[in-house]
Amino acid sequence: MARIRKKNCGTTTKTTVHNTKTIMKYLEMKYSPEQIANAVRSVKVYTSTIYTWIYKKIVPIDIKRLRGHGKRQLKSSN
């Protein structure tokens, strides 16, 4: 019983086939990861998670094909 419980403990991952395919679909339609995280109701992940998946190649898309080309925008201090 202890081995079974130990195997099932820990956090679960949100990288499901559904999440990956949905994110890929919206990235192909030129959505930014921010737009996907905030507007698409079927994907319940944060923006940083989507960027992490892109950088680790879990979501197979080139960074240069992103809307902002992978560059971070600096906020102006007015």
N, C-alpha and C. Protein backbone atom coordinates (compact mmCIF):
# COMPACT_ATOMS: atom_id res chain seq x y z
N MET A 1 0.83 -1.20 0.00
CA MET A 1 0.00 0.00 0.00
C MET A 1 0.86 1.25 0.00
N ALA A 2 1.99 1.22 0.69
CA ALA A 2 2.85 2.39 0.76
C ALA A 2 3.42 2.73 -0.61
N ARG A 3 3.78 1.72 -1.38
CA ARG A 3 4.31 1.98 -2.73
C ARG A 3 3.25 2.60 -3.64
N ILE A 4 2.04 2.14 -3.53
CA ILE A 4 0.95 2.69 -4.35
C ILE A 4 0.69 4.15 -3.99
N ARG A 5 0.65 4.44 -2.70
CA ARG A 5 0.43 5.82 -2.26
C ARG A 5 1.58 6.73 -2.67
N LYS A 6 2.81 6.22 -2.57
CA LYS A 6 3.98 7.01 -2.95
C LYS A 6 3.96 7.31 -4.45
N LYS A 7 3.50 6.36 -5.24
CA LYS A 7 3.44 6.54 -6.69
C LYS A 7 2.42 7.62 -7.07
N ASN A 8 1.34 7.72 -6.30
CA ASN A 8 0.27 8.67 -6.62
C ASN A 8 0.45 10.04 -5.98
N CYS A 9 1.47 10.26 -5.18
CA CYS A 9 1.63 11.54 -4.53
C CYS A 9 2.33 12.53 -5.46
N GLY A 10 2.30 13.79 -5.10
CA GLY A 10 2.96 14.81 -5.90
C GLY A 10 1.96 15.60 -6.73
N THR A 11 2.48 16.49 -7.53
CA THR A 11 1.61 17.33 -8.35
C THR A 11 1.34 16.66 -9.69
N THR A 12 0.22 17.02 -10.27
CA THR A 12 -0.11 16.51 -11.59
C THR A 12 0.25 17.55 -12.63
N THR A 13 0.51 17.10 -13.82
CA THR A 13 0.90 18.01 -14.89
C THR A 13 -0.34 18.43 -15.69
N LYS A 14 -0.29 19.62 -16.25
CA LYS A 14 -1.39 20.10 -17.07
C LYS A 14 -1.10 19.95 -18.55
N THR A 15 0.00 19.29 -18.88
CA THR A 15 0.31 19.06 -20.29
C THR A 15 -0.47 17.86 -20.78
N THR A 16 -1.70 18.11 -21.17
CA THR A 16 -2.53 17.07 -21.75
C THR A 16 -2.53 17.24 -23.26
N VAL A 17 -3.00 16.22 -23.94
CA VAL A 17 -3.09 16.29 -25.40
C VAL A 17 -4.05 17.40 -25.80
N HIS A 18 -5.15 17.54 -25.06
CA HIS A 18 -6.13 18.58 -25.37
C HIS A 18 -5.53 19.97 -25.22
N ASN A 19 -4.84 20.23 -24.11
CA ASN A 19 -4.21 21.54 -23.90
C ASN A 19 -3.18 21.84 -24.98
N THR A 20 -2.34 20.87 -25.30
CA THR A 20 -1.29 21.09 -26.28
C THR A 20 -1.87 21.38 -27.66
N LYS A 21 -2.87 20.61 -28.07
CA LYS A 21 -3.47 20.83 -29.39
C LYS A 21 -4.22 22.16 -29.46
N THR A 22 -4.90 22.52 -28.38
CA THR A 22 -5.63 23.78 -28.36
C THR A 22 -4.67 24.96 -28.42
N ILE A 23 -3.59 24.90 -27.66
CA ILE A 23 -2.61 25.98 -27.68
C ILE A 23 -1.97 26.08 -29.06
N MET A 24 -1.64 24.95 -29.67
CA MET A 24 -1.06 24.97 -31.02
C MET A 24 -2.02 25.59 -32.03
N LYS A 25 -3.31 25.26 -31.91
CA LYS A 25 -4.30 25.79 -32.85
C LYS A 25 -4.36 27.31 -32.77
N TYR A 26 -4.38 27.84 -31.56
CA TYR A 26 -4.47 29.29 -31.39
C TYR A 26 -3.15 29.99 -31.73
N LEU A 27 -2.02 29.34 -31.50
CA LEU A 27 -0.74 29.93 -31.91
C LEU A 27 -0.62 29.99 -33.42
N GLU A 28 -1.18 28.98 -34.12
CA GLU A 28 -1.18 29.00 -35.58
C GLU A 28 -2.06 30.13 -36.11
N MET A 29 -3.09 30.51 -35.34
CA MET A 29 -3.98 31.61 -35.74
C MET A 29 -3.43 32.96 -35.30
N LYS A 30 -2.15 33.00 -34.89
CA LYS A 30 -1.43 34.22 -34.50
C LYS A 30 -1.93 34.83 -33.20
N TYR A 31 -2.45 34.02 -32.29
CA TYR A 31 -2.77 34.50 -30.96
C TYR A 31 -1.48 34.53 -30.16
N SER A 32 -1.38 35.46 -29.22
CA SER A 32 -0.22 35.48 -28.34
C SER A 32 -0.51 34.56 -27.14
N PRO A 33 0.52 34.09 -26.44
CA PRO A 33 0.28 33.28 -25.25
C PRO A 33 -0.56 34.01 -24.19
N GLU A 34 -0.45 35.33 -24.11
CA GLU A 34 -1.27 36.11 -23.18
C GLU A 34 -2.74 36.02 -23.56
N GLN A 35 -3.03 36.12 -24.86
CA GLN A 35 -4.40 36.03 -25.32
C GLN A 35 -4.97 34.64 -25.09
N ILE A 36 -4.17 33.63 -25.30
CA ILE A 36 -4.64 32.26 -25.09
C ILE A 36 -4.95 32.02 -23.62
N ALA A 37 -4.06 32.45 -22.74
CA ALA A 37 -4.24 32.20 -21.30
C ALA A 37 -5.44 32.96 -20.74
N ASN A 38 -5.72 34.15 -21.28
CA ASN A 38 -6.79 34.97 -20.71
C ASN A 38 -8.13 34.81 -21.41
N ALA A 39 -8.16 34.39 -22.67
CA ALA A 39 -9.41 34.38 -23.42
C ALA A 39 -9.97 32.99 -23.67
N VAL A 40 -9.14 32.01 -23.84
CA VAL A 40 -9.61 30.66 -24.18
C VAL A 40 -9.99 29.95 -22.90
N ARG A 41 -11.27 29.64 -22.77
CA ARG A 41 -11.78 29.05 -21.53
C ARG A 41 -11.39 27.58 -21.36
N SER A 42 -11.16 26.86 -22.47
CA SER A 42 -10.86 25.44 -22.35
C SER A 42 -9.42 25.17 -21.91
N VAL A 43 -8.56 26.20 -21.98
CA VAL A 43 -7.17 26.07 -21.54
C VAL A 43 -7.03 26.81 -20.22
N LYS A 44 -6.76 26.08 -19.16
CA LYS A 44 -6.66 26.69 -17.83
C LYS A 44 -5.22 26.68 -17.35
N VAL A 45 -4.37 27.42 -18.06
CA VAL A 45 -2.97 27.56 -17.67
C VAL A 45 -2.59 29.03 -17.74
N TYR A 46 -1.51 29.38 -17.08
CA TYR A 46 -1.04 30.76 -17.07
C TYR A 46 -0.15 31.03 -18.28
N THR A 47 0.08 32.30 -18.54
CA THR A 47 0.93 32.73 -19.64
C THR A 47 2.34 32.18 -19.50
N SER A 48 2.89 32.24 -18.30
CA SER A 48 4.25 31.75 -18.08
C SER A 48 4.35 30.26 -18.35
N THR A 49 3.29 29.51 -18.08
CA THR A 49 3.30 28.08 -18.36
C THR A 49 3.37 27.83 -19.86
N ILE A 50 2.62 28.61 -20.64
CA ILE A 50 2.64 28.44 -22.10
C ILE A 50 4.03 28.77 -22.64
N TYR A 51 4.64 29.86 -22.15
CA TYR A 51 6.00 30.20 -22.58
C TYR A 51 6.99 29.10 -22.19
N THR A 52 6.86 28.55 -21.01
CA THR A 52 7.75 27.47 -20.57
C THR A 52 7.61 26.27 -21.48
N TRP A 53 6.37 25.90 -21.86
CA TRP A 53 6.16 24.78 -22.75
C TRP A 53 6.76 25.05 -24.13
N ILE A 54 6.70 26.30 -24.58
CA ILE A 54 7.29 26.63 -25.89
C ILE A 54 8.81 26.51 -25.82
N TYR A 55 9.42 27.03 -24.76
CA TYR A 55 10.87 26.98 -24.62
C TYR A 55 11.38 25.55 -24.42
N LYS A 56 10.61 24.71 -23.75
CA LYS A 56 11.01 23.31 -23.54
C LYS A 56 10.59 22.40 -24.68
N LYS A 57 9.98 22.96 -25.72
CA LYS A 57 9.53 22.24 -26.92
C LYS A 57 8.43 21.23 -26.62
N ILE A 58 7.65 21.45 -25.57
CA ILE A 58 6.47 20.63 -25.33
C ILE A 58 5.39 21.01 -26.33
N VAL A 59 5.27 22.31 -26.60
CA VAL A 59 4.41 22.80 -27.67
C VAL A 59 5.34 23.08 -28.85
N PRO A 60 5.23 22.29 -29.92
CA PRO A 60 6.23 22.39 -31.01
C PRO A 60 5.98 23.57 -31.94
N ILE A 61 6.45 24.74 -31.56
CA ILE A 61 6.35 25.92 -32.41
C ILE A 61 7.63 26.73 -32.26
N ASP A 62 8.06 27.36 -33.33
CA ASP A 62 9.26 28.17 -33.30
C ASP A 62 8.95 29.51 -32.64
N ILE A 63 9.85 30.00 -31.82
CA ILE A 63 9.64 31.26 -31.10
C ILE A 63 9.50 32.42 -32.07
N LYS A 64 10.16 32.35 -33.20
CA LYS A 64 10.10 33.42 -34.19
C LYS A 64 8.72 33.53 -34.83
N ARG A 65 7.89 32.50 -34.72
CA ARG A 65 6.54 32.54 -35.28
C ARG A 65 5.53 33.14 -34.32
N LEU A 66 5.95 33.42 -33.10
CA LEU A 66 5.05 34.05 -32.15
C LEU A 66 4.77 35.48 -32.56
N ARG A 67 3.71 36.02 -32.02
CA ARG A 67 3.29 37.36 -32.39
C ARG A 67 4.35 38.40 -32.06
N GLY A 68 4.97 38.31 -30.89
CA GLY A 68 6.01 39.25 -30.50
C GLY A 68 7.40 38.72 -30.75
N HIS A 69 7.51 37.60 -31.47
CA HIS A 69 8.78 36.96 -31.80
C HIS A 69 9.59 36.60 -30.56
N GLY A 70 8.93 36.33 -29.44
CA GLY A 70 9.62 35.91 -28.24
C GLY A 70 10.25 37.04 -27.45
N LYS A 71 10.05 38.28 -27.89
CA LYS A 71 10.63 39.42 -27.17
C LYS A 71 9.69 39.87 -26.07
N ARG A 72 10.25 40.25 -24.98
CA ARG A 72 9.44 40.76 -23.87
C ARG A 72 9.30 42.27 -24.01
N GLN A 73 8.13 42.77 -23.74
CA GLN A 73 7.86 44.19 -23.86
C GLN A 73 8.14 44.87 -22.53
N LEU A 74 8.84 45.99 -22.58
CA LEU A 74 9.11 46.76 -21.38
C LEU A 74 8.00 47.77 -21.16
N LYS A 75 7.56 47.89 -19.92
CA LYS A 75 6.52 48.86 -19.61
C LYS A 75 7.14 50.24 -19.46
N SER A 76 6.49 51.21 -20.03
CA SER A 76 7.01 52.57 -19.92
C SER A 76 6.65 53.16 -18.57
N SER A 77 7.52 53.93 -18.01
CA SER A 77 7.28 54.53 -16.69
C SER A 77 6.95 55.99 -16.88
N ASN A 78 5.71 56.26 -17.21
CA ASN A 78 5.25 57.66 -17.39
C ASN A 78 4.62 58.18 -16.14
